[in-house]
Amino acid sequence: MSKETQNYEGLAEVFKAIGHPIRIAILNLLCNFDRLTVKNIYEKLKIEQPIASRHLGIMRSNGILERIQETGNTYYCFSEKNPYVDCIKPCFEKSFFKQIHTGI
């Protein structure tokens, strides 16, 4: 398998892992807040805690997010270990969503 094919497959796995509206909303939040607790996420998205945890777990197991333990809290943030994260982060920035909604 060529390096190029491996890159496409890796990126395809990332897109599969983020391919749900709740996961997209979580990633959008993390672009704007850098790191958040599960409670922050489910309260901001107005979803139940188990739903937020399930979606965070999927993205964590695919290397998109990292979990950080700090002072009794567990935070989620973008993984610095996944080379594809830097490719997808711009898609979740406020300016990108603003352009989509305004048709710019």
PDB file of N, CA and C in Angstrom:
ATOM      1  N   MET A   1       0.849  -1.177   0.000  1.00  0.00           N
ATOM      2  CA  MET A   1       0.000   0.000   0.000  1.00  0.00           C
ATOM      3  C   MET A   1       0.895   1.241   0.000  1.00  0.00           C
ATOM      4  N   SER A   2       0.569   2.180  -0.862  1.00  0.00           N
ATOM      5  CA  SER A   2       1.389   3.386  -0.967  1.00  0.00           C
ATOM      6  C   SER A   2       1.152   4.314   0.220  1.00  0.00           C
ATOM      7  N   LYS A   3       2.096   5.199   0.456  1.00  0.00           N
ATOM      8  CA  LYS A   3       1.982   6.189   1.540  1.00  0.00           C
ATOM      9  C   LYS A   3       0.759   7.078   1.312  1.00  0.00           C
ATOM     10  N   GLU A   4       0.520   7.437   0.051  1.00  0.00           N
ATOM     11  CA  GLU A   4      -0.631   8.280  -0.276  1.00  0.00           C
ATOM     12  C   GLU A   4      -1.939   7.568   0.070  1.00  0.00           C
ATOM     13  N   THR A   5      -2.031   6.296  -0.258  1.00  0.00           N
ATOM     14  CA  THR A   5      -3.230   5.523   0.071  1.00  0.00           C
ATOM     15  C   THR A   5      -3.405   5.425   1.579  1.00  0.00           C
ATOM     16  N   GLN A   6      -2.314   5.229   2.311  1.00  0.00           N
ATOM     17  CA  GLN A   6      -2.385   5.185   3.773  1.00  0.00           C
ATOM     18  C   GLN A   6      -2.891   6.507   4.330  1.00  0.00           C
ATOM     19  N   ASN A   7      -2.440   7.617   3.758  1.00  0.00           N
ATOM     20  CA  ASN A   7      -2.900   8.931   4.203  1.00  0.00           C
ATOM     21  C   ASN A   7      -4.396   9.088   3.973  1.00  0.00           C
ATOM     22  N   TYR A   8      -4.863   8.660   2.804  1.00  0.00           N
ATOM     23  CA  TYR A   8      -6.298   8.749   2.512  1.00  0.00           C
ATOM     24  C   TYR A   8      -7.108   7.885   3.470  1.00  0.00           C
ATOM     25  N   GLU A   9      -6.601   6.707   3.760  1.00  0.00           N
ATOM     26  CA  GLU A   9      -7.311   5.821   4.681  1.00  0.00           C
ATOM     27  C   GLU A   9      -7.351   6.398   6.092  1.00  0.00           C
ATOM     28  N   GLY A  10      -6.253   6.987   6.527  1.00  0.00           N
ATOM     29  CA  GLY A  10      -6.226   7.618   7.845  1.00  0.00           C
ATOM     30  C   GLY A  10      -7.204   8.769   7.942  1.00  0.00           C
ATOM     31  N   LEU A  11      -7.241   9.583   6.917  1.00  0.00           N
ATOM     32  CA  LEU A  11      -8.171  10.714   6.905  1.00  0.00           C
ATOM     33  C   LEU A  11      -9.615  10.224   6.826  1.00  0.00           C
ATOM     34  N   ALA A  12      -9.861   9.159   6.067  1.00  0.00           N
ATOM     35  CA  ALA A  12     -11.211   8.592   5.977  1.00  0.00           C
ATOM     36  C   ALA A  12     -11.683   8.100   7.345  1.00  0.00           C
ATOM     37  N   GLU A  13     -10.782   7.511   8.122  1.00  0.00           N
ATOM     38  CA  GLU A  13     -11.135   7.057   9.471  1.00  0.00           C
ATOM     39  C   GLU A  13     -11.525   8.233  10.362  1.00  0.00           C
ATOM     40  N   VAL A  14     -10.812   9.329  10.229  1.00  0.00           N
ATOM     41  CA  VAL A  14     -11.144  10.527  11.004  1.00  0.00           C
ATOM     42  C   VAL A  14     -12.525  11.032  10.608  1.00  0.00           C
ATOM     43  N   PHE A  15     -12.794  11.106   9.317  1.00  0.00           N
ATOM     44  CA  PHE A  15     -14.103  11.588   8.865  1.00  0.00           C
ATOM     45  C   PHE A  15     -15.226  10.664   9.324  1.00  0.00           C
ATOM     46  N   LYS A  16     -14.993   9.366   9.341  1.00  0.00           N
ATOM     47  CA  LYS A  16     -16.009   8.438   9.857  1.00  0.00           C
ATOM     48  C   LYS A  16     -16.267   8.714  11.334  1.00  0.00           C
ATOM     49  N   ALA A  17     -15.204   8.958  12.072  1.00  0.00           N
ATOM     50  CA  ALA A  17     -15.329   9.173  13.515  1.00  0.00           C
ATOM     51  C   ALA A  17     -16.043  10.477  13.851  1.00  0.00           C
ATOM     52  N   ILE A  18     -15.969  11.472  12.987  1.00  0.00           N
ATOM     53  CA  ILE A  18     -16.633  12.751  13.281  1.00  0.00           C
ATOM     54  C   ILE A  18     -17.973  12.869  12.566  1.00  0.00           C
ATOM     55  N   GLY A  19     -18.373  11.828  11.853  1.00  0.00           N
ATOM     56  CA  GLY A  19     -19.559  11.889  11.014  1.00  0.00           C
ATOM     57  C   GLY A  19     -20.882  11.772  11.742  1.00  0.00           C
ATOM     58  N   HIS A  20     -21.109  12.603  12.728  1.00  0.00           N
ATOM     59  CA  HIS A  20     -22.383  12.648  13.452  1.00  0.00           C
ATOM     60  C   HIS A  20     -22.600  14.090  13.908  1.00  0.00           C
ATOM     61  N   PRO A  21     -23.827  14.599  13.823  1.00  0.00           N
ATOM     62  CA  PRO A  21     -24.074  16.001  14.203  1.00  0.00           C
ATOM     63  C   PRO A  21     -23.624  16.359  15.621  1.00  0.00           C
ATOM     64  N   ILE A  22     -23.796  15.451  16.569  1.00  0.00           N
ATOM     65  CA  ILE A  22     -23.370  15.753  17.944  1.00  0.00           C
ATOM     66  C   ILE A  22     -21.850  15.841  18.018  1.00  0.00           C
ATOM     67  N   ARG A  23     -21.159  14.971  17.317  1.00  0.00           N
ATOM     68  CA  ARG A  23     -19.690  15.016  17.334  1.00  0.00           C
ATOM     69  C   ARG A  23     -19.182  16.288  16.672  1.00  0.00           C
ATOM     70  N   ILE A  24     -19.838  16.695  15.613  1.00  0.00           N
ATOM     71  CA  ILE A  24     -19.463  17.953  14.959  1.00  0.00           C
ATOM     72  C   ILE A  24     -19.678  19.120  15.918  1.00  0.00           C
ATOM     73  N   ALA A  25     -20.786  19.108  16.644  1.00  0.00           N
ATOM     74  CA  ALA A  25     -21.057  20.174  17.616  1.00  0.00           C
ATOM     75  C   ALA A  25     -20.009  20.177  18.731  1.00  0.00           C
ATOM     76  N   ILE A  26     -19.607  19.003  19.184  1.00  0.00           N
ATOM     77  CA  ILE A  26     -18.574  18.908  20.222  1.00  0.00           C
ATOM     78  C   ILE A  26     -17.258  19.488  19.712  1.00  0.00           C
ATOM     79  N   LEU A  27     -16.877  19.137  18.501  1.00  0.00           N
ATOM     80  CA  LEU A  27     -15.625  19.649  17.937  1.00  0.00           C
ATOM     81  C   LEU A  27     -15.682  21.159  17.756  1.00  0.00           C
ATOM     82  N   ASN A  28     -16.834  21.663  17.365  1.00  0.00           N
ATOM     83  CA  ASN A  28     -17.003  23.110  17.235  1.00  0.00           C
ATOM     84  C   ASN A  28     -16.814  23.787  18.592  1.00  0.00           C
ATOM     85  N   LEU A  29     -17.390  23.217  19.635  1.00  0.00           N
ATOM     86  CA  LEU A  29     -17.199  23.762  20.990  1.00  0.00           C
ATOM     87  C   LEU A  29     -15.726  23.766  21.379  1.00  0.00           C
ATOM     88  N   LEU A  30     -15.048  22.656  21.122  1.00  0.00           N
ATOM     89  CA  LEU A  30     -13.643  22.559  21.515  1.00  0.00           C
ATOM     90  C   LEU A  30     -12.757  23.531  20.747  1.00  0.00           C
ATOM     91  N   CYS A  31     -13.138  23.886  19.537  1.00  0.00           N
ATOM     92  CA  CYS A  31     -12.378  24.909  18.800  1.00  0.00           C
ATOM     93  C   CYS A  31     -12.514  26.265  19.473  1.00  0.00           C
ATOM     94  N   ASN A  32     -13.658  26.487  20.085  1.00  0.00           N
ATOM     95  CA  ASN A  32     -13.923  27.785  20.691  1.00  0.00           C
ATOM     96  C   ASN A  32     -13.533  27.858  22.164  1.00  0.00           C
ATOM     97  N   PHE A  33     -13.402  26.713  22.832  1.00  0.00           N
ATOM     98  CA  PHE A  33     -13.099  26.709  24.262  1.00  0.00           C
ATOM     99  C   PHE A  33     -11.809  25.977  24.616  1.00  0.00           C
ATOM    100  N   ASP A  34     -11.116  25.407  23.663  1.00  0.00           N
ATOM    101  CA  ASP A  34      -9.833  24.725  23.842  1.00  0.00           C
ATOM    102  C   ASP A  34      -9.958  23.386  24.563  1.00  0.00           C
ATOM    103  N   ARG A  35     -10.535  23.369  25.751  1.00  0.00           N
ATOM    104  CA  ARG A  35     -10.769  22.117  26.470  1.00  0.00           C
ATOM    105  C   ARG A  35     -12.000  22.288  27.348  1.00  0.00           C
ATOM    106  N   LEU A  36     -12.733  21.189  27.504  1.00  0.00           N
ATOM    107  CA  LEU A  36     -13.977  21.224  28.268  1.00  0.00           C
ATOM    108  C   LEU A  36     -14.161  19.916  29.024  1.00  0.00           C
ATOM    109  N   THR A  37     -14.940  19.980  30.107  1.00  0.00           N
ATOM    110  CA  THR A  37     -15.335  18.766  30.812  1.00  0.00           C
ATOM    111  C   THR A  37     -16.569  18.184  30.128  1.00  0.00           C
ATOM    112  N   VAL A  38     -16.882  16.936  30.448  1.00  0.00           N
ATOM    113  CA  VAL A  38     -18.099  16.323  29.910  1.00  0.00           C
ATOM    114  C   VAL A  38     -19.306  17.165  30.313  1.00  0.00           C
ATOM    115  N   LYS A  39     -19.321  17.628  31.559  1.00  0.00           N
ATOM    116  CA  LYS A  39     -20.445  18.440  32.039  1.00  0.00           C
ATOM    117  C   LYS A  39     -20.575  19.721  31.225  1.00  0.00           C
ATOM    118  N   ASN A  40     -19.462  20.402  30.960  1.00  0.00           N
ATOM    119  CA  ASN A  40     -19.506  21.605  30.121  1.00  0.00           C
ATOM    120  C   ASN A  40     -20.154  21.289  28.782  1.00  0.00           C
ATOM    121  N   ILE A  41     -19.753  20.172  28.205  1.00  0.00           N
ATOM    122  CA  ILE A  41     -20.224  19.807  26.865  1.00  0.00           C
ATOM    123  C   ILE A  41     -21.708  19.483  26.871  1.00  0.00           C
ATOM    124  N   TYR A  42     -22.151  18.614  27.777  1.00  0.00           N
ATOM    125  CA  TYR A  42     -23.565  18.248  27.715  1.00  0.00           C
ATOM    126  C   TYR A  42     -24.477  19.403  28.114  1.00  0.00           C
ATOM    127  N   GLU A  43     -24.016  20.289  28.985  1.00  0.00           N
ATOM    128  CA  GLU A  43     -24.833  21.453  29.326  1.00  0.00           C
ATOM    129  C   GLU A  43     -24.920  22.437  28.164  1.00  0.00           C
ATOM    130  N   LYS A  44     -23.804  22.699  27.499  1.00  0.00           N
ATOM    131  CA  LYS A  44     -23.809  23.639  26.377  1.00  0.00           C
ATOM    132  C   LYS A  44     -24.612  23.101  25.191  1.00  0.00           C
ATOM    133  N   LEU A  45     -24.567  21.796  24.967  1.00  0.00           N
ATOM    134  CA  LEU A  45     -25.284  21.208  23.834  1.00  0.00           C
ATOM    135  C   LEU A  45     -26.705  20.776  24.191  1.00  0.00           C
ATOM    136  N   LYS A  46     -27.028  20.858  25.489  1.00  0.00           N
ATOM    137  CA  LYS A  46     -28.350  20.463  25.974  1.00  0.00           C
ATOM    138  C   LYS A  46     -28.676  19.013  25.586  1.00  0.00           C
ATOM    139  N   ILE A  47     -27.719  18.135  25.894  1.00  0.00           N
ATOM    140  CA  ILE A  47     -27.896  16.700  25.682  1.00  0.00           C
ATOM    141  C   ILE A  47     -27.633  15.995  27.004  1.00  0.00           C
ATOM    142  N   GLU A  48     -27.987  14.723  27.081  1.00  0.00           N
ATOM    143  CA  GLU A  48     -27.764  13.964  28.310  1.00  0.00           C
ATOM    144  C   GLU A  48     -26.299  13.549  28.430  1.00  0.00           C
ATOM    145  N   GLN A  49     -25.852  13.404  29.669  1.00  0.00           N
ATOM    146  CA  GLN A  49     -24.451  13.070  29.938  1.00  0.00           C
ATOM    147  C   GLN A  49     -24.001  11.778  29.268  1.00  0.00           C
ATOM    148  N   PRO A  50     -24.787  10.681  29.322  1.00  0.00           N
ATOM    149  CA  PRO A  50     -24.312   9.454  28.666  1.00  0.00           C
ATOM    150  C   PRO A  50     -24.126   9.606  27.153  1.00  0.00           C
ATOM    151  N   ILE A  51     -24.939  10.435  26.538  1.00  0.00           N
ATOM    152  CA  ILE A  51     -24.810  10.670  25.095  1.00  0.00           C
ATOM    153  C   ILE A  51     -23.508  11.408  24.814  1.00  0.00           C
ATOM    154  N   ALA A  52     -23.234  12.440  25.604  1.00  0.00           N
ATOM    155  CA  ALA A  52     -21.984  13.188  25.426  1.00  0.00           C
ATOM    156  C   ALA A  52     -20.785  12.270  25.642  1.00  0.00           C
ATOM    157  N   SER A  53     -20.832  11.467  26.685  1.00  0.00           N
ATOM    158  CA  SER A  53     -19.718  10.563  26.989  1.00  0.00           C
ATOM    159  C   SER A  53     -19.497   9.548  25.876  1.00  0.00           C
ATOM    160  N   ARG A  54     -20.576   9.039  25.310  1.00  0.00           N
ATOM    161  CA  ARG A  54     -20.446   8.054  24.227  1.00  0.00           C
ATOM    162  C   ARG A  54     -19.752   8.666  23.015  1.00  0.00           C
ATOM    163  N   HIS A  55     -20.174   9.872  22.626  1.00  0.00           N
ATOM    164  CA  HIS A  55     -19.577  10.523  21.458  1.00  0.00           C
ATOM    165  C   HIS A  55     -18.128  10.938  21.725  1.00  0.00           C
ATOM    166  N   LEU A  56     -17.843  11.396  22.937  1.00  0.00           N
ATOM    167  CA  LEU A  56     -16.457  11.717  23.292  1.00  0.00           C
ATOM    168  C   LEU A  56     -15.587  10.465  23.242  1.00  0.00           C
ATOM    169  N   GLY A  57     -16.122   9.359  23.721  1.00  0.00           N
ATOM    170  CA  GLY A  57     -15.380   8.103  23.703  1.00  0.00           C
ATOM    171  C   GLY A  57     -15.047   7.634  22.298  1.00  0.00           C
ATOM    172  N   ILE A  58     -15.978   7.797  21.383  1.00  0.00           N
ATOM    173  CA  ILE A  58     -15.733   7.412  19.990  1.00  0.00           C
ATOM    174  C   ILE A  58     -14.598   8.242  19.409  1.00  0.00           C
ATOM    175  N   MET A  59     -14.642   9.544  19.644  1.00  0.00           N
ATOM    176  CA  MET A  59     -13.596  10.406  19.083  1.00  0.00           C
ATOM    177  C   MET A  59     -12.257  10.188  19.785  1.00  0.00           C
ATOM    178  N   ARG A  60     -12.304   9.871  21.054  1.00  0.00           N
ATOM    179  CA  ARG A  60     -11.065   9.575  21.782  1.00  0.00           C
ATOM    180  C   ARG A  60     -10.447   8.270  21.287  1.00  0.00           C
ATOM    181  N   SER A  61     -11.262   7.254  21.073  1.00  0.00           N
ATOM    182  CA  SER A  61     -10.726   5.966  20.621  1.00  0.00           C
ATOM    183  C   SER A  61     -10.175   6.041  19.202  1.00  0.00           C
ATOM    184  N   ASN A  62     -10.596   7.046  18.444  1.00  0.00           N
ATOM    185  CA  ASN A  62     -10.071   7.252  17.095  1.00  0.00           C
ATOM    186  C   ASN A  62      -8.933   8.262  17.062  1.00  0.00           C
ATOM    187  N   GLY A  63      -8.487   8.703  18.238  1.00  0.00           N
ATOM    188  CA  GLY A  63      -7.324   9.581  18.317  1.00  0.00           C
ATOM    189  C   GLY A  63      -7.577  11.031  17.978  1.00  0.00           C
ATOM    190  N   ILE A  64      -8.838  11.429  17.917  1.00  0.00           N
ATOM    191  CA  ILE A  64      -9.162  12.820  17.594  1.00  0.00           C
ATOM    192  C   ILE A  64      -9.089  13.681  18.851  1.00  0.00           C
ATOM    193  N   LEU A  65      -9.543  13.121  19.961  1.00  0.00           N
ATOM    194  CA  LEU A  65      -9.538  13.837  21.234  1.00  0.00           C
ATOM    195  C   LEU A  65      -8.637  13.134  22.236  1.00  0.00           C
ATOM    196  N   GLU A  66      -8.187  13.914  23.205  1.00  0.00           N
ATOM    197  CA  GLU A  66      -7.439  13.392  24.348  1.00  0.00           C
ATOM    198  C   GLU A  66      -8.217  13.712  25.611  1.00  0.00           C
ATOM    199  N   ARG A  67      -8.019  12.885  26.613  1.00  0.00           N
ATOM    200  CA  ARG A  67      -8.629  13.115  27.918  1.00  0.00           C
ATOM    201  C   ARG A  67      -7.514  13.472  28.881  1.00  0.00           C
ATOM    202  N   ILE A  68      -7.695  14.582  29.606  1.00  0.00           N
ATOM    203  CA  ILE A  68      -6.676  15.063  30.537  1.00  0.00           C
ATOM    204  C   ILE A  68      -7.279  15.119  31.939  1.00  0.00           C
ATOM    205  N   GLN A  69      -6.622  14.456  32.891  1.00  0.00           N
ATOM    206  CA  GLN A  69      -7.029  14.506  34.295  1.00  0.00           C
ATOM    207  C   GLN A  69      -6.281  15.653  34.960  1.00  0.00           C
ATOM    208  N   GLU A  70      -7.035  16.534  35.615  1.00  0.00           N
ATOM    209  CA  GLU A  70      -6.398  17.670  36.271  1.00  0.00           C
ATOM    210  C   GLU A  70      -7.254  18.149  37.436  1.00  0.00           C
ATOM    211  N   THR A  71      -6.669  18.216  38.598  1.00  0.00           N
ATOM    212  CA  THR A  71      -7.319  18.707  39.823  1.00  0.00           C
ATOM    213  C   THR A  71      -8.741  18.172  40.003  1.00  0.00           C
ATOM    214  N   GLY A  72      -8.881  16.857  39.882  1.00  0.00           N
ATOM    215  CA  GLY A  72     -10.185  16.249  40.112  1.00  0.00           C
ATOM    216  C   GLY A  72     -11.160  16.366  38.959  1.00  0.00           C
ATOM    217  N   ASN A  73     -10.779  16.999  37.891  1.00  0.00           N
ATOM    218  CA  ASN A  73     -11.639  17.128  36.712  1.00  0.00           C
ATOM    219  C   ASN A  73     -11.032  16.383  35.533  1.00  0.00           C
ATOM    220  N   THR A  74     -11.896  15.945  34.646  1.00  0.00           N
ATOM    221  CA  THR A  74     -11.458  15.324  33.401  1.00  0.00           C
ATOM    222  C   THR A  74     -11.837  16.251  32.266  1.00  0.00           C
ATOM    223  N   TYR A  75     -10.844  16.650  31.501  1.00  0.00           N
ATOM    224  CA  TYR A  75     -11.055  17.554  30.373  1.00  0.00           C
ATOM    225  C   TYR A  75     -10.835  16.816  29.061  1.00  0.00           C
ATOM    226  N   TYR A  76     -11.540  17.267  28.040  1.00  0.00           N
ATOM    227  CA  TYR A  76     -11.330  16.764  26.684  1.00  0.00           C
ATOM    228  C   TYR A  76     -10.814  17.901  25.825  1.00  0.00           C
ATOM    229  N   CYS A  77      -9.885  17.565  24.950  1.00  0.00           N
ATOM    230  CA  CYS A  77      -9.320  18.539  24.021  1.00  0.00           C
ATOM    231  C   CYS A  77      -8.882  17.800  22.758  1.00  0.00           C
ATOM    232  N   PHE A  78      -8.539  18.564  21.733  1.00  0.00           N
ATOM    233  CA  PHE A  78      -8.038  17.956  20.507  1.00  0.00           C
ATOM    234  C   PHE A  78      -6.718  17.248  20.790  1.00  0.00           C
ATOM    235  N   SER A  79      -6.529  16.114  20.162  1.00  0.00           N
ATOM    236  CA  SER A  79      -5.284  15.368  20.310  1.00  0.00           C
ATOM    237  C   SER A  79      -4.173  16.047  19.519  1.00  0.00           C
ATOM    238  N   GLU A  80      -3.027  16.144  20.143  1.00  0.00           N
ATOM    239  CA  GLU A  80      -1.858  16.676  19.444  1.00  0.00           C
ATOM    240  C   GLU A  80      -1.078  15.550  18.769  1.00  0.00           C
ATOM    241  N   LYS A  81      -1.493  14.316  19.004  1.00  0.00           N
ATOM    242  CA  LYS A  81      -0.784  13.153  18.463  1.00  0.00           C
ATOM    243  C   LYS A  81      -1.299  12.725  17.090  1.00  0.00           C
ATOM    244  N   ASN A  82      -2.487  13.174  16.721  1.00  0.00           N
ATOM    245  CA  ASN A  82      -3.092  12.757  15.457  1.00  0.00           C
ATOM    246  C   ASN A  82      -2.780  13.796  14.381  1.00  0.00           C
ATOM    247  N   PRO A  83      -2.054  13.422  13.334  1.00  0.00           N
ATOM    248  CA  PRO A  83      -1.666  14.401  12.309  1.00  0.00           C
ATOM    249  C   PRO A  83      -2.847  14.956  11.513  1.00  0.00           C
ATOM    250  N   TYR A  84      -3.979  14.281  11.542  1.00  0.00           N
ATOM    251  CA  TYR A  84      -5.130  14.737  10.768  1.00  0.00           C
ATOM    252  C   TYR A  84      -5.952  15.796  11.500  1.00  0.00           C
ATOM    253  N   VAL A  85      -5.746  15.924  12.800  1.00  0.00           N
ATOM    254  CA  VAL A  85      -6.518  16.897  13.580  1.00  0.00           C
ATOM    255  C   VAL A  85      -6.283  18.314  13.069  1.00  0.00           C
ATOM    256  N   ASP A  86      -5.047  18.652  12.751  1.00  0.00           N
ATOM    257  CA  ASP A  86      -4.765  19.995  12.234  1.00  0.00           C
ATOM    258  C   ASP A  86      -5.441  20.243  10.890  1.00  0.00           C
ATOM    259  N   CYS A  87      -5.729  19.184  10.162  1.00  0.00           N
ATOM    260  CA  CYS A  87      -6.427  19.324   8.875  1.00  0.00           C
ATOM    261  C   CYS A  87      -7.905  19.623   9.067  1.00  0.00           C
ATOM    262  N   ILE A  88      -8.507  19.052  10.118  1.00  0.00           N
ATOM    263  CA  ILE A  88      -9.953  19.207  10.284  1.00  0.00           C
ATOM    264  C   ILE A  88     -10.352  20.369  11.187  1.00  0.00           C
ATOM    265  N   LYS A  89      -9.451  20.819  12.062  1.00  0.00           N
ATOM    266  CA  LYS A  89      -9.802  21.893  13.001  1.00  0.00           C
ATOM    267  C   LYS A  89     -10.345  23.147  12.326  1.00  0.00           C
ATOM    268  N   PRO A  90      -9.763  23.614  11.214  1.00  0.00           N
ATOM    269  CA  PRO A  90     -10.301  24.830  10.590  1.00  0.00           C
ATOM    270  C   PRO A  90     -11.768  24.711  10.176  1.00  0.00           C
ATOM    271  N   CYS A  91     -12.225  23.498   9.941  1.00  0.00           N
ATOM    272  CA  CYS A  91     -13.623  23.292   9.558  1.00  0.00           C
ATOM    273  C   CYS A  91     -14.583  23.606  10.698  1.00  0.00           C
ATOM    274  N   PHE A  92     -14.092  23.628  11.913  1.00  0.00           N
ATOM    275  CA  PHE A  92     -14.951  23.821  13.072  1.00  0.00           C
ATOM    276  C   PHE A  92     -14.804  25.195  13.715  1.00  0.00           C
ATOM    277  N   GLU A  93     -14.042  26.054  13.111  1.00  0.00           N
ATOM    278  CA  GLU A  93     -13.882  27.394  13.653  1.00  0.00           C
ATOM    279  C   GLU A  93     -15.130  28.215  13.369  1.00  0.00           C
ATOM    280  N   LYS A  94     -15.391  29.176  14.225  1.00  0.00           N
ATOM    281  CA  LYS A  94     -16.582  30.016  14.085  1.00  0.00           C
ATOM    282  C   LYS A  94     -16.681  30.657  12.713  1.00  0.00           C
ATOM    283  N   SER A  95     -15.569  31.140  12.201  1.00  0.00           N
ATOM    284  CA  SER A  95     -15.608  31.846  10.923  1.00  0.00           C
ATOM    285  C   SER A  95     -16.086  30.932   9.805  1.00  0.00           C
ATOM    286  N   PHE A  96     -15.719  29.658   9.849  1.00  0.00           N
ATOM    287  CA  PHE A  96     -16.145  28.720   8.822  1.00  0.00           C
ATOM    288  C   PHE A  96     -17.653  28.519   8.890  1.00  0.00           C
ATOM    289  N   PHE A  97     -18.193  28.290  10.100  1.00  0.00           N
ATOM    290  CA  PHE A  97     -19.628  28.098  10.242  1.00  0.00           C
ATOM    291  C   PHE A  97     -20.391  29.367   9.886  1.00  0.00           C
ATOM    292  N   LYS A  98     -19.826  30.511  10.206  1.00  0.00           N
ATOM    293  CA  LYS A  98     -20.470  31.776   9.854  1.00  0.00           C
ATOM    294  C   LYS A  98     -20.579  31.901   8.336  1.00  0.00           C
ATOM    295  N   GLN A  99     -19.536  31.521   7.620  1.00  0.00           N
ATOM    296  CA  GLN A  99     -19.565  31.583   6.160  1.00  0.00           C
ATOM    297  C   GLN A  99     -20.628  30.657   5.593  1.00  0.00           C
ATOM    298  N   ILE A 100     -20.769  29.482   6.158  1.00  0.00           N
ATOM    299  CA  ILE A 100     -21.779  28.540   5.675  1.00  0.00           C
ATOM    300  C   ILE A 100     -23.176  29.116   5.868  1.00  0.00           C
ATOM    301  N   HIS A 101     -23.432  29.675   7.049  1.00  0.00           N
ATOM    302  CA  HIS A 101     -24.770  30.178   7.359  1.00  0.00           C
ATOM    303  C   HIS A 101     -25.117  31.451   6.596  1.00  0.00           C
ATOM    304  N   THR A 102     -24.124  32.256   6.267  1.00  0.00           N
ATOM    305  CA  THR A 102     -24.411  33.495   5.549  1.00  0.00           C
ATOM    306  C   THR A 102     -24.253  33.333   4.046  1.00  0.00           C
ATOM    307  N   GLY A 103     -23.765  32.175   3.619  1.00  0.00           N
ATOM    308  CA  GLY A 103     -23.617  31.917   2.195  1.00  0.00           C
ATOM    309  C   GLY A 103     -22.431  32.607   1.565  1.00  0.00           C
ATOM    310  N   ILE A 104     -21.459  33.015   2.371  1.00  0.00           N
ATOM    311  CA  ILE A 104     -20.274  33.705   1.842  1.00  0.00           C
ATOM    312  C   ILE A 104     -19.319  32.691   1.273  1.00  0.00           C
TER     313      ILE A 104
END
